[in-house]
Every structure is written in C-alpha cells, then in structure tokens.
PDB file of N, CA and C in Angstrom:
ATOM      1  N   MET A   1       5.519  10.456   7.685  1.00  0.00           N
ATOM      2  CA  MET A   1       4.521   9.479   7.898  1.00  0.00           C
ATOM      3  C   MET A   1       4.555   8.912   9.540  1.00  0.00           C
ATOM      4  N   THR A   2       3.506   8.261   9.636  1.00  0.00           N
ATOM      5  CA  THR A   2       3.711   7.847  11.324  1.00  0.00           C
ATOM      6  C   THR A   2       3.179   6.353  11.772  1.00  0.00           C
ATOM      7  N   LEU A   3       3.841   5.782  12.345  1.00  0.00           N
ATOM      8  CA  LEU A   3       3.678   4.196  12.601  1.00  0.00           C
ATOM      9  C   LEU A   3       2.353   4.217  13.967  1.00  0.00           C
ATOM     10  N   GLU A   4       1.056   3.380  12.876  1.00  0.00           N
ATOM     11  CA  GLU A   4       0.770   3.418  13.873  1.00  0.00           C
ATOM     12  C   GLU A   4      -0.108   2.309  13.598  1.00  0.00           C
ATOM     13  N   LYS A   5      -0.002   0.740  13.906  1.00  0.00           N
ATOM     14  CA  LYS A   5      -0.680   0.017  13.899  1.00  0.00           C
ATOM     15  C   LYS A   5      -1.900  -0.275  14.647  1.00  0.00           C
ATOM     16  N   TYR A   6      -2.571  -0.769  13.370  1.00  0.00           N
ATOM     17  CA  TYR A   6      -3.859  -1.143  13.322  1.00  0.00           C
ATOM     18  C   TYR A   6      -3.911  -2.860  13.034  1.00  0.00           C
ATOM     19  N   LYS A   7      -5.337  -3.401  14.219  1.00  0.00           N
ATOM     20  CA  LYS A   7      -5.388  -4.626  14.459  1.00  0.00           C
ATOM     21  C   LYS A   7      -6.213  -4.797  12.430  1.00  0.00           C
ATOM     22  N   ASN A   8      -6.912  -4.239  12.066  1.00  0.00           N
ATOM     23  CA  ASN A   8      -7.120  -4.408  10.388  1.00  0.00           C
ATOM     24  C   ASN A   8      -6.092  -2.944   9.840  1.00  0.00           C
ATOM     25  N   ALA A   9      -6.331  -3.018   9.076  1.00  0.00           N
ATOM     26  CA  ALA A   9      -5.237  -1.612   8.503  1.00  0.00           C
ATOM     27  C   ALA A   9      -5.688  -1.174   7.278  1.00  0.00           C
ATOM     28  N   VAL A  10      -7.348  -1.777   7.695  1.00  0.00           N
ATOM     29  CA  VAL A  10      -8.276  -1.310   5.950  1.00  0.00           C
ATOM     30  C   VAL A  10      -9.736  -0.177   7.210  1.00  0.00           C
ATOM     31  N   THR A  11     -10.326  -1.517   8.434  1.00  0.00           N
ATOM     32  CA  THR A  11     -11.611  -1.367   8.598  1.00  0.00           C
ATOM     33  C   THR A  11     -10.649   0.078  10.428  1.00  0.00           C
ATOM     34  N   ASP A  12      -9.969  -0.154  10.100  1.00  0.00           N
ATOM     35  CA  ASP A  12      -9.624   0.888  12.103  1.00  0.00           C
ATOM     36  C   ASP A  12      -8.808   1.941  11.073  1.00  0.00           C
ATOM     37  N   ASP A  13      -8.228   2.095  10.377  1.00  0.00           N
ATOM     38  CA  ASP A  13      -7.921   3.487   9.452  1.00  0.00           C
ATOM     39  C   ASP A  13      -8.705   4.345   9.048  1.00  0.00           C
ATOM     40  N   PRO A  14      -9.102   5.191  10.372  1.00  0.00           N
ATOM     41  CA  PRO A  14     -10.386   6.275   9.277  1.00  0.00           C
ATOM     42  C   PRO A  14      -9.473   7.049   8.262  1.00  0.00           C
ATOM     43  N   GLU A  15      -7.892   7.436   8.003  1.00  0.00           N
ATOM     44  CA  GLU A  15      -7.459   8.387   7.102  1.00  0.00           C
ATOM     45  C   GLU A  15      -7.479   7.525   5.985  1.00  0.00           C
ATOM     46  N   LEU A  16      -7.619   6.122   5.297  1.00  0.00           N
ATOM     47  CA  LEU A  16      -7.814   4.930   4.398  1.00  0.00           C
ATOM     48  C   LEU A  16      -8.901   5.274   3.742  1.00  0.00           C
ATOM     49  N   GLN A  17     -10.004   5.006   5.099  1.00  0.00           N
ATOM     50  CA  GLN A  17     -11.626   4.991   4.047  1.00  0.00           C
ATOM     51  C   GLN A  17     -12.230   6.444   4.005  1.00  0.00           C
ATOM     52  N   ALA A  18     -11.156   7.641   4.363  1.00  0.00           N
ATOM     53  CA  ALA A  18     -11.588   8.984   3.871  1.00  0.00           C
ATOM     54  C   ALA A  18     -11.388   9.106   2.313  1.00  0.00           C
ATOM     55  N   GLY A  19     -10.169   8.406   2.135  1.00  0.00           N
ATOM     56  CA  GLY A  19      -9.428   8.826   1.133  1.00  0.00           C
ATOM     57  C   GLY A  19     -10.132   8.121  -0.207  1.00  0.00           C
ATOM     58  N   LEU A  20     -10.368   6.452   0.514  1.00  0.00           N
ATOM     59  CA  LEU A  20     -11.296   5.959  -0.362  1.00  0.00           C
ATOM     60  C   LEU A  20     -13.017   6.499  -1.430  1.00  0.00           C
ATOM     61  N   ASN A  21     -13.163   6.905   0.485  1.00  0.00           N
ATOM     62  CA  ASN A  21     -14.454   7.728   0.268  1.00  0.00           C
ATOM     63  C   ASN A  21     -14.312   9.581  -0.697  1.00  0.00           C
ATOM     64  N   SER A  22     -13.411   9.766  -0.552  1.00  0.00           N
ATOM     65  CA  SER A  22     -12.942  11.051  -1.808  1.00  0.00           C
ATOM     66  C   SER A  22     -12.834  11.208  -3.025  1.00  0.00           C
ATOM     67  N   ILE A  23     -12.793   9.399  -3.591  1.00  0.00           N
ATOM     68  CA  ILE A  23     -12.834   8.909  -4.864  1.00  0.00           C
ATOM     69  C   ILE A  23     -14.707   8.779  -5.063  1.00  0.00           C
ATOM     70  N   ASN A  24     -15.249   7.825  -4.481  1.00  0.00           N
ATOM     71  CA  ASN A  24     -16.505   7.833  -4.403  1.00  0.00           C
ATOM     72  C   ASN A  24     -16.323   7.754  -3.181  1.00  0.00           C
ATOM     73  N   PRO A  25     -17.679   8.143  -2.405  1.00  0.00           N
ATOM     74  CA  PRO A  25     -18.826   7.026  -1.628  1.00  0.00           C
ATOM     75  C   PRO A  25     -19.009   6.134  -1.442  1.00  0.00           C
ATOM     76  N   LYS A  26     -19.498   5.640  -2.774  1.00  0.00           N
ATOM     77  CA  LYS A  26     -19.952   4.306  -1.994  1.00  0.00           C
ATOM     78  C   LYS A  26     -19.187   3.218  -2.991  1.00  0.00           C
ATOM     79  N   PHE A  27     -17.535   3.675  -3.677  1.00  0.00           N
ATOM     80  CA  PHE A  27     -17.219   2.657  -3.820  1.00  0.00           C
ATOM     81  C   PHE A  27     -16.020   2.963  -2.540  1.00  0.00           C
ATOM     82  N   GLY A  28     -15.824   3.592  -1.862  1.00  0.00           N
ATOM     83  CA  GLY A  28     -15.146   3.935  -0.654  1.00  0.00           C
ATOM     84  C   GLY A  28     -15.962   3.325   0.376  1.00  0.00           C
ATOM     85  N   ASP A  29     -16.530   2.894   0.367  1.00  0.00           N
ATOM     86  CA  ASP A  29     -18.243   1.855   1.449  1.00  0.00           C
ATOM     87  C   ASP A  29     -17.493   0.404   0.740  1.00  0.00           C
ATOM     88  N   PHE A  30     -17.508   0.310  -0.087  1.00  0.00           N
ATOM     89  CA  PHE A  30     -17.575  -1.699  -1.067  1.00  0.00           C
ATOM     90  C   PHE A  30     -16.065  -1.829  -0.280  1.00  0.00           C
ATOM     91  N   CYS A  31     -14.872  -1.082  -0.922  1.00  0.00           N
ATOM     92  CA  CYS A  31     -13.801  -1.108  -0.747  1.00  0.00           C
ATOM     93  C   CYS A  31     -13.416  -1.542   0.822  1.00  0.00           C
ATOM     94  N   THR A  32     -13.879  -0.431   1.349  1.00  0.00           N
ATOM     95  CA  THR A  32     -13.722  -0.860   3.150  1.00  0.00           C
ATOM     96  C   THR A  32     -14.432  -2.312   3.685  1.00  0.00           C
ATOM     97  N   ARG A  33     -15.398  -2.351   3.457  1.00  0.00           N
ATOM     98  CA  ARG A  33     -16.606  -3.787   3.731  1.00  0.00           C
ATOM     99  C   ARG A  33     -16.006  -4.796   2.900  1.00  0.00           C
ATOM    100  N   VAL A  34     -15.460  -4.598   1.496  1.00  0.00           N
ATOM    101  CA  VAL A  34     -14.711  -6.038   1.075  1.00  0.00           C
ATOM    102  C   VAL A  34     -12.787  -6.230   1.286  1.00  0.00           C
ATOM    103  N   ALA A  35     -12.815  -4.988   0.900  1.00  0.00           N
ATOM    104  CA  ALA A  35     -10.822  -5.234   1.729  1.00  0.00           C
ATOM    105  C   ALA A  35     -11.059  -6.058   3.504  1.00  0.00           C
ATOM    106  N   GLY A  36     -11.426  -5.055   4.001  1.00  0.00           N
ATOM    107  CA  GLY A  36     -11.417  -4.720   5.435  1.00  0.00           C
ATOM    108  C   GLY A  36     -11.763  -6.678   5.671  1.00  0.00           C
ATOM    109  N   GLU A  37     -12.894  -6.933   5.352  1.00  0.00           N
ATOM    110  CA  GLU A  37     -12.828  -8.857   5.254  1.00  0.00           C
ATOM    111  C   GLU A  37     -11.600  -9.187   5.150  1.00  0.00           C
ATOM    112  N   ALA A  38     -11.291  -9.531   3.819  1.00  0.00           N
ATOM    113  CA  ALA A  38      -9.453  -9.714   3.839  1.00  0.00           C
ATOM    114  C   ALA A  38      -8.474  -9.603   4.669  1.00  0.00           C
ATOM    115  N   TRP A  39      -8.348  -8.517   4.721  1.00  0.00           N
ATOM    116  CA  TRP A  39      -7.630  -8.013   5.484  1.00  0.00           C
ATOM    117  C   TRP A  39      -7.952  -8.106   7.065  1.00  0.00           C
ATOM    118  N   GLY A  40      -8.998  -8.610   7.933  1.00  0.00           N
ATOM    119  CA  GLY A  40      -9.414  -9.254   8.425  1.00  0.00           C
ATOM    120  C   GLY A  40      -9.597 -10.838   9.128  1.00  0.00           C
ATOM    121  N   LEU A  41      -8.571 -11.793   7.678  1.00  0.00           N
ATOM    122  CA  LEU A  41      -8.550 -13.084   8.329  1.00  0.00           C
ATOM    123  C   LEU A  41      -7.550 -12.562   8.952  1.00  0.00           C
ATOM    124  N   PRO A  42      -7.219 -13.796   9.508  1.00  0.00           N
ATOM    125  CA  PRO A  42      -6.022 -13.966  10.787  1.00  0.00           C
ATOM    126  C   PRO A  42      -4.732 -14.622  10.435  1.00  0.00           C
ATOM    127  N   LEU A  43      -4.638 -15.415   9.641  1.00  0.00           N
ATOM    128  CA  LEU A  43      -2.976 -16.184   9.603  1.00  0.00           C
ATOM    129  C   LEU A  43      -2.106 -15.262   8.805  1.00  0.00           C
ATOM    130  N   ILE A  44      -2.229 -14.668   8.110  1.00  0.00           N
ATOM    131  CA  ILE A  44      -1.070 -13.641   7.237  1.00  0.00           C
ATOM    132  C   ILE A  44      -1.202 -12.245   8.254  1.00  0.00           C
ATOM    133  N   ASP A  45      -0.255 -11.800   8.917  1.00  0.00           N
ATOM    134  CA  ASP A  45      -0.005 -10.874   9.792  1.00  0.00           C
ATOM    135  C   ASP A  45      -0.426  -9.381   8.892  1.00  0.00           C
ATOM    136  N   GLN A  46      -0.922  -7.888   9.367  1.00  0.00           N
ATOM    137  CA  GLN A  46      -1.203  -6.661   8.533  1.00  0.00           C
ATOM    138  C   GLN A  46       0.224  -6.246   7.685  1.00  0.00           C
ATOM    139  N   LYS A  47       1.194  -6.451   8.771  1.00  0.00           N
ATOM    140  CA  LYS A  47       2.060  -5.576   7.471  1.00  0.00           C
ATOM    141  C   LYS A  47       2.775  -6.678   6.318  1.00  0.00           C
ATOM    142  N   THR A  48       2.747  -7.974   6.881  1.00  0.00           N
ATOM    143  CA  THR A  48       3.375  -8.749   5.105  1.00  0.00           C
ATOM    144  C   THR A  48       2.036  -8.641   4.104  1.00  0.00           C
ATOM    145  N   LYS A  49       0.714  -8.472   4.623  1.00  0.00           N
ATOM    146  CA  LYS A  49      -0.515  -8.253   3.523  1.00  0.00           C
ATOM    147  C   LYS A  49       0.248  -6.785   2.783  1.00  0.00           C
ATOM    148  N   ALA A  50       0.344  -5.756   3.718  1.00  0.00           N
ATOM    149  CA  ALA A  50       0.833  -4.388   3.124  1.00  0.00           C
ATOM    150  C   ALA A  50       1.904  -4.821   2.539  1.00  0.00           C
ATOM    151  N   LEU A  51       3.040  -5.763   2.111  1.00  0.00           N
ATOM    152  CA  LEU A  51       4.043  -5.721   1.376  1.00  0.00           C
ATOM    153  C   LEU A  51       3.755  -6.141   0.452  1.00  0.00           C
ATOM    154  N   ILE A  52       2.599  -7.216   0.828  1.00  0.00           N
ATOM    155  CA  ILE A  52       2.115  -8.325  -0.937  1.00  0.00           C
ATOM    156  C   ILE A  52       0.869  -6.702  -1.762  1.00  0.00           C
ATOM    157  N   THR A  53       0.611  -5.947  -0.890  1.00  0.00           N
ATOM    158  CA  THR A  53       0.081  -4.816  -2.061  1.00  0.00           C
ATOM    159  C   THR A  53       0.981  -4.361  -2.527  1.00  0.00           C
ATOM    160  N   ILE A  54       1.680  -3.843  -2.188  1.00  0.00           N
ATOM    161  CA  ILE A  54       3.150  -2.867  -2.658  1.00  0.00           C
ATOM    162  C   ILE A  54       3.551  -4.364  -3.892  1.00  0.00           C
ATOM    163  N   ALA A  55       3.923  -5.251  -3.867  1.00  0.00           N
ATOM    164  CA  ALA A  55       4.245  -6.669  -5.155  1.00  0.00           C
ATOM    165  C   ALA A  55       3.164  -6.523  -5.876  1.00  0.00           C
ATOM    166  N   ILE A  56       1.670  -6.798  -5.287  1.00  0.00           N
ATOM    167  CA  ILE A  56       0.999  -6.506  -6.432  1.00  0.00           C
ATOM    168  C   ILE A  56       0.805  -5.338  -7.425  1.00  0.00           C
ATOM    169  N   ASP A  57       1.536  -4.325  -6.499  1.00  0.00           N
ATOM    170  CA  ASP A  57       1.036  -2.790  -7.699  1.00  0.00           C
ATOM    171  C   ASP A  57       2.431  -3.071  -8.598  1.00  0.00           C
ATOM    172  N   VAL A  58       3.160  -2.935  -7.616  1.00  0.00           N
ATOM    173  CA  VAL A  58       4.272  -3.626  -9.097  1.00  0.00           C
ATOM    174  C   VAL A  58       4.095  -4.860  -9.419  1.00  0.00           C
ATOM    175  N   ALA A  59       3.881  -5.881  -9.996  1.00  0.00           N
ATOM    176  CA  ALA A  59       3.259  -6.451 -10.713  1.00  0.00           C
ATOM    177  C   ALA A  59       2.105  -6.622 -11.532  1.00  0.00           C
ATOM    178  N   ASN A  60       0.984  -4.954 -11.425  1.00  0.00           N
ATOM    179  CA  ASN A  60       0.638  -4.902 -11.755  1.00  0.00           C
ATOM    180  C   ASN A  60       0.464  -3.278 -12.595  1.00  0.00           C
ATOM    181  N   GLN A  61       2.033  -2.788 -12.452  1.00  0.00           N
ATOM    182  CA  GLN A  61       2.026  -0.919 -12.890  1.00  0.00           C
ATOM    183  C   GLN A  61       1.199  -0.627 -12.904  1.00  0.00           C
ATOM    184  N   ASN A  62       0.551  -0.190 -12.056  1.00  0.00           N
ATOM    185  CA  ASN A  62      -0.684   0.822 -11.671  1.00  0.00           C
ATOM    186  C   ASN A  62      -0.576   1.264 -10.980  1.00  0.00           C
ATOM    187  N   ASN A  63       0.494   2.239 -11.215  1.00  0.00           N
ATOM    188  CA  ASN A  63       1.201   3.323  -9.696  1.00  0.00           C
ATOM    189  C   ASN A  63       0.503   4.746 -10.604  1.00  0.00           C
ATOM    190  N   LEU A  64       0.332   4.638 -11.741  1.00  0.00           N
ATOM    191  CA  LEU A  64      -0.109   6.168 -12.629  1.00  0.00           C
ATOM    192  C   LEU A  64      -1.121   6.551 -12.349  1.00  0.00           C
ATOM    193  N   GLY A  65      -1.494   8.125 -12.765  1.00  0.00           N
ATOM    194  CA  GLY A  65      -2.936   8.394 -12.407  1.00  0.00           C
ATOM    195  C   GLY A  65      -3.354   8.331 -11.129  1.00  0.00           C
ATOM    196  N   ALA A  66      -4.660   9.340 -11.362  1.00  0.00           N
ATOM    197  CA  ALA A  66      -5.090   9.769  -9.811  1.00  0.00           C
ATOM    198  C   ALA A  66      -6.024   8.496  -9.712  1.00  0.00           C
ATOM    199  N   GLY A  67      -5.654   8.188  -8.624  1.00  0.00           N
ATOM    200  CA  GLY A  67      -6.813   7.115  -7.418  1.00  0.00           C
ATOM    201  C   GLY A  67      -5.631   6.428  -7.430  1.00  0.00           C
ATOM    202  N   SER A  68      -4.767   6.536  -7.362  1.00  0.00           N
ATOM    203  CA  SER A  68      -3.152   5.041  -7.802  1.00  0.00           C
ATOM    204  C   SER A  68      -3.444   4.690  -6.799  1.00  0.00           C
ATOM    205  N   PRO A  69      -3.499   3.174  -6.224  1.00  0.00           N
ATOM    206  CA  PRO A  69      -3.276   2.649  -5.314  1.00  0.00           C
ATOM    207  C   PRO A  69      -1.694   2.349  -4.640  1.00  0.00           C
ATOM    208  N   PHE A  70      -0.481   2.386  -4.950  1.00  0.00           N
ATOM    209  CA  PHE A  70       1.038   2.902  -4.655  1.00  0.00           C
ATOM    210  C   PHE A  70       1.037   3.439  -2.774  1.00  0.00           C
ATOM    211  N   GLY A  71       0.663   4.903  -3.084  1.00  0.00           N
ATOM    212  CA  GLY A  71       0.986   5.568  -2.180  1.00  0.00           C
ATOM    213  C   GLY A  71       0.191   5.382  -0.932  1.00  0.00           C
ATOM    214  N   ALA A  72      -0.902   4.757  -0.955  1.00  0.00           N
ATOM    215  CA  ALA A  72      -1.577   4.440  -0.204  1.00  0.00           C
ATOM    216  C   ALA A  72      -0.879   3.097   0.636  1.00  0.00           C
ATOM    217  N   HIS A  73      -0.364   2.487  -0.298  1.00  0.00           N
ATOM    218  CA  HIS A  73      -0.586   1.412  -0.122  1.00  0.00           C
ATOM    219  C   HIS A  73       1.095   1.244   0.606  1.00  0.00           C
ATOM    220  N   VAL A  74       2.154   2.271   0.728  1.00  0.00           N
ATOM    221  CA  VAL A  74       3.004   2.544   1.184  1.00  0.00           C
ATOM    222  C   VAL A  74       2.709   2.938   1.970  1.00  0.00           C
ATOM    223  N   ASN A  75       2.356   3.602   2.566  1.00  0.00           N
ATOM    224  CA  ASN A  75       1.933   4.464   3.577  1.00  0.00           C
ATOM    225  C   ASN A  75       0.923   3.612   4.948  1.00  0.00           C
ATOM    226  N   MET A  76       0.193   2.963   4.501  1.00  0.00           N
ATOM    227  CA  MET A  76      -0.433   1.299   4.524  1.00  0.00           C
ATOM    228  C   MET A  76       0.893   0.414   5.434  1.00  0.00           C
ATOM    229  N   ALA A  77       1.500  -0.035   5.091  1.00  0.00           N
ATOM    230  CA  ALA A  77       2.854  -0.910   5.275  1.00  0.00           C
ATOM    231  C   ALA A  77       3.609  -0.431   6.379  1.00  0.00           C
ATOM    232  N   ILE A  78       4.544   0.862   6.193  1.00  0.00           N
ATOM    233  CA  ILE A  78       4.627   2.028   7.029  1.00  0.00           C
ATOM    234  C   ILE A  78       3.698   1.662   8.159  1.00  0.00           C
ATOM    235  N   LYS A  79       2.509   2.039   8.588  1.00  0.00           N
ATOM    236  CA  LYS A  79       1.533   2.364   9.118  1.00  0.00           C
ATOM    237  C   LYS A  79       1.444   1.221  10.320  1.00  0.00           C
ATOM    238  N   GLN A  80       2.094  -0.501   9.512  1.00  0.00           N
ATOM    239  CA  GLN A  80       1.970  -1.656  10.238  1.00  0.00           C
ATOM    240  C   GLN A  80       3.052  -1.737  10.138  1.00  0.00           C
ATOM    241  N   GLY A  81       4.195  -1.334  10.571  1.00  0.00           N
ATOM    242  CA  GLY A  81       5.398  -1.804  10.911  1.00  0.00           C
ATOM    243  C   GLY A  81       6.487  -1.415  10.128  1.00  0.00           C
ATOM    244  N   ALA A  82       6.493  -1.879   8.393  1.00  0.00           N
ATOM    245  CA  ALA A  82       7.228  -2.152   7.600  1.00  0.00           C
ATOM    246  C   ALA A  82       8.387  -0.830   7.221  1.00  0.00           C
ATOM    247  N   THR A  83       9.582  -0.820   6.903  1.00  0.00           N
ATOM    248  CA  THR A  83      10.394   0.686   7.077  1.00  0.00           C
ATOM    249  C   THR A  83      10.980   0.512   5.363  1.00  0.00           C
ATOM    250  N   ARG A  84      11.093   1.889   5.591  1.00  0.00           N
ATOM    251  CA  ARG A  84      11.663   2.311   4.091  1.00  0.00           C
ATOM    252  C   ARG A  84      12.446   0.732   3.512  1.00  0.00           C
ATOM    253  N   GLU A  85      13.192   0.399   4.038  1.00  0.00           N
ATOM    254  CA  GLU A  85      14.685  -0.596   3.546  1.00  0.00           C
ATOM    255  C   GLU A  85      13.591  -1.819   3.637  1.00  0.00           C
ATOM    256  N   GLU A  86      12.981  -2.290   4.386  1.00  0.00           N
ATOM    257  CA  GLU A  86      12.213  -3.122   4.161  1.00  0.00           C
ATOM    258  C   GLU A  86      11.054  -3.075   2.262  1.00  0.00           C
ATOM    259  N   ILE A  87      10.909  -1.797   1.722  1.00  0.00           N
ATOM    260  CA  ILE A  87       9.871  -1.699   0.995  1.00  0.00           C
ATOM    261  C   ILE A  87      11.175  -2.080  -0.347  1.00  0.00           C
ATOM    262  N   GLU A  88      12.381  -1.204  -0.166  1.00  0.00           N
ATOM    263  CA  GLU A  88      13.240  -1.146  -0.996  1.00  0.00           C
ATOM    264  C   GLU A  88      13.363  -2.261  -1.155  1.00  0.00           C
ATOM    265  N   GLU A  89      13.775  -3.728  -0.338  1.00  0.00           N
ATOM    266  CA  GLU A  89      13.828  -4.825  -0.577  1.00  0.00           C
ATOM    267  C   GLU A  89      13.012  -5.014  -1.655  1.00  0.00           C
ATOM    268  N   LEU A  90      11.916  -5.785  -0.624  1.00  0.00           N
ATOM    269  CA  LEU A  90      10.485  -5.621  -1.625  1.00  0.00           C
ATOM    270  C   LEU A  90      10.650  -5.518  -3.260  1.00  0.00           C
ATOM    271  N   LEU A  91      11.287  -4.160  -3.337  1.00  0.00           N
ATOM    272  CA  LEU A  91      11.292  -3.773  -4.773  1.00  0.00           C
ATOM    273  C   LEU A  91      12.698  -4.156  -6.027  1.00  0.00           C
ATOM    274  N   ILE A  92      13.551  -4.299  -5.629  1.00  0.00           N
ATOM    275  CA  ILE A  92      14.324  -4.823  -5.361  1.00  0.00           C
ATOM    276  C   ILE A  92      14.258  -6.377  -5.897  1.00  0.00           C
ATOM    277  N   PHE A  93      13.676  -7.242  -4.783  1.00  0.00           N
ATOM    278  CA  PHE A  93      12.930  -8.606  -4.937  1.00  0.00           C
ATOM    279  C   PHE A  93      12.109  -8.270  -6.395  1.00  0.00           C
ATOM    280  N   MET A  94      11.066  -7.866  -6.503  1.00  0.00           N
ATOM    281  CA  MET A  94       9.711  -7.975  -7.740  1.00  0.00           C
ATOM    282  C   MET A  94      10.598  -7.557  -8.878  1.00  0.00           C
ATOM    283  N   CYS A  95      12.279  -6.899  -9.252  1.00  0.00           N
ATOM    284  CA  CYS A  95      12.783  -7.322 -10.134  1.00  0.00           C
ATOM    285  C   CYS A  95      12.945  -8.127 -10.758  1.00  0.00           C
ATOM    286  N   VAL A  96      13.408  -9.114 -10.336  1.00  0.00           N
ATOM    287  CA  VAL A  96      13.571 -10.632 -10.711  1.00  0.00           C
ATOM    288  C   VAL A  96      11.768 -11.105 -11.320  1.00  0.00           C
ATOM    289  N   TYR A  97      11.133 -10.844 -10.496  1.00  0.00           N
ATOM    290  CA  TYR A  97      10.190 -11.766 -10.810  1.00  0.00           C
ATOM    291  C   TYR A  97       8.660 -10.197 -11.879  1.00  0.00           C
ATOM    292  N   ALA A  98       8.792  -8.831 -11.525  1.00  0.00           N
ATOM    293  CA  ALA A  98       7.837  -8.610 -12.267  1.00  0.00           C
ATOM    294  C   ALA A  98       9.044  -7.857 -13.056  1.00  0.00           C
ATOM    295  N   GLY A  99      10.128  -7.353 -13.203  1.00  0.00           N
ATOM    296  CA  GLY A  99      10.744  -6.360 -14.790  1.00  0.00           C
ATOM    297  C   GLY A  99      11.428  -5.187 -14.095  1.00  0.00           C
ATOM    298  N   PHE A 100      12.170  -5.095 -14.410  1.00  0.00           N
ATOM    299  CA  PHE A 100      13.764  -4.224 -13.578  1.00  0.00           C
ATOM    300  C   PHE A 100      13.155  -2.910 -13.699  1.00  0.00           C
ATOM    301  N   ASN A 101      12.282  -2.700 -15.562  1.00  0.00           N
ATOM    302  CA  ASN A 101      11.464  -1.194 -15.290  1.00  0.00           C
ATOM    303  C   ASN A 101      10.382  -1.020 -14.667  1.00  0.00           C
ATOM    304  N   LYS A 102      10.104  -2.083 -14.178  1.00  0.00           N
ATOM    305  CA  LYS A 102       8.606  -1.558 -12.937  1.00  0.00           C
ATOM    306  C   LYS A 102       9.172  -1.158 -11.892  1.00  0.00           C
ATOM    307  N   ALA A 103      10.557  -2.190 -11.134  1.00  0.00           N
ATOM    308  CA  ALA A 103      10.495  -1.676 -10.036  1.00  0.00           C
ATOM    309  C   ALA A 103      10.857  -0.894 -10.675  1.00  0.00           C
ATOM    310  N   ALA A 104      11.790  -0.394 -11.310  1.00  0.00           N
ATOM    311  CA  ALA A 104      12.457   1.497 -11.204  1.00  0.00           C
ATOM    312  C   ALA A 104      11.530   2.188 -11.035  1.00  0.00           C
ATOM    313  N   THR A 105      10.290   2.317 -12.131  1.00  0.00           N
ATOM    314  CA  THR A 105       9.233   3.194 -11.983  1.00  0.00           C
ATOM    315  C   THR A 105       8.773   3.063 -10.504  1.00  0.00           C
ATOM    316  N   TYR A 106       8.995   1.688  -9.532  1.00  0.00           N
ATOM    317  CA  TYR A 106       8.224   1.812  -8.169  1.00  0.00           C
ATOM    318  C   TYR A 106       9.292   3.101  -7.299  1.00  0.00           C
ATOM    319  N   PHE A 107      10.970   2.525  -7.340  1.00  0.00           N
ATOM    320  CA  PHE A 107      11.438   3.220  -6.971  1.00  0.00           C
ATOM    321  C   PHE A 107      11.193   4.670  -5.969  1.00  0.00           C
ATOM    322  N   ALA A 108      11.331   5.244  -8.198  1.00  0.00           N
ATOM    323  CA  ALA A 108      11.319   7.029  -7.773  1.00  0.00           C
ATOM    324  C   ALA A 108       9.897   7.319  -7.721  1.00  0.00           C
ATOM    325  N   ALA A 109       8.778   6.763  -7.602  1.00  0.00           N
ATOM    326  CA  ALA A 109       7.374   7.338  -7.026  1.00  0.00           C
ATOM    327  C   ALA A 109       7.348   6.966  -5.114  1.00  0.00           C
ATOM    328  N   LEU A 110       7.993   5.516  -4.965  1.00  0.00           N
ATOM    329  CA  LEU A 110       8.731   5.555  -3.271  1.00  0.00           C
ATOM    330  C   LEU A 110       9.667   6.731  -3.101  1.00  0.00           C
ATOM    331  N   ASN A 111      10.671   7.009  -3.412  1.00  0.00           N
ATOM    332  CA  ASN A 111      11.274   8.483  -3.211  1.00  0.00           C
ATOM    333  C   ASN A 111      10.485   9.706  -3.279  1.00  0.00           C
ATOM    334  N   GLU A 112       9.636   9.858  -4.510  1.00  0.00           N
ATOM    335  CA  GLU A 112       8.580  10.504  -4.152  1.00  0.00           C
ATOM    336  C   GLU A 112       7.845  10.968  -3.427  1.00  0.00           C
ATOM    337  N   ILE A 113       7.125   9.660  -2.358  1.00  0.00           N
ATOM    338  CA  ILE A 113       6.805   9.632  -1.329  1.00  0.00           C
ATOM    339  C   ILE A 113       7.710  10.087  -0.129  1.00  0.00           C
ATOM    340  N   PHE A 114       8.562   9.278   0.178  1.00  0.00           N
ATOM    341  CA  PHE A 114       9.206   9.771   1.258  1.00  0.00           C
ATOM    342  C   PHE A 114       9.885  11.686   1.078  1.00  0.00           C
ATOM    343  N   GLU A 115      10.171  12.189   0.270  1.00  0.00           N
ATOM    344  CA  GLU A 115      10.463  13.374  -0.044  1.00  0.00           C
ATOM    345  C   GLU A 115       9.248  14.677   0.656  1.00  0.00           C
ATOM    346  N   ASP A 116       7.772  14.041  -0.054  1.00  0.00           N
ATOM    347  CA  ASP A 116       6.805  14.707   0.340  1.00  0.00           C
ATOM    348  C   ASP A 116       6.843  14.502   1.706  1.00  0.00           C
ATOM    349  N   SER A 117       6.961  13.029   2.579  1.00  0.00           N
ATOM    350  CA  SER A 117       6.380  13.166   3.681  1.00  0.00           C
ATOM    351  C   SER A 117       7.397  13.793   5.416  1.00  0.00           C
ATOM    352  N   LYS A 118       8.645  14.474   3.957  1.00  0.00           N
ATOM    353  CA  LYS A 118       9.445  15.199   4.825  1.00  0.00           C
ATOM    354  C   LYS A 118       9.439  16.455   5.539  1.00  0.00           C
TER     355      LYS A 118
END
C-alpha cells in the first residue's frame, strides 16, 4: 500500500472510485458525490476521518461479505498517513466501546490486509 495523501480521500482517489463503480456504476457515482461532499468538509482532517470510518466499521460489524468497506477504509487511512500501529491502537480502543469480539474480528481482517499487501 502506498502513501498518497489526497486533499479529498474520496473525490481525489481514482482507485477508490473504480472500486465503488465496480460494485455498480450508479452506486459508485452516488457514493463519490455524497461521501465526497462529506469528506470535503474542512474542520476534520482526512486521516482522522479515515480512522473514524474504521471505528464505524467495527461498531457496525460490517466487514464480512462482498462489498465490505473495511479493506477500503484501511487503505484510505494508510493513504492519508495512518500507520498500522495507529489502526491497531484504534481497534484496541474500540474493544472498550464496541466489544472485544468485534475488535478481534477486525484484527484478523487487518492481518489479512497487511499479508495481502506484501
């Protein structure tokens, strides 16, 4: 995974947009426009927003199955400068607020993501 910070982690990332469009072109366009607007708000930086999306994935326990956003959100966070260690600390933090079993599931998924990126 390469570090490539974007001013807007959604509208400036063609790889992300291609992934969304591969699910369904109308869905991809809609997500890019709507999420891009939210990601374009100026007060919270892109790295923090990306880490927040990972926390939401853990709270919602939605990393399973086709179209899962977790891998994309981890990739997005890394592109915005987050380290594996920061993501791991976030998962430990989420144990307290979302549950240990949810966080354990995401640690396993995170390990797979980093294994696949080698």
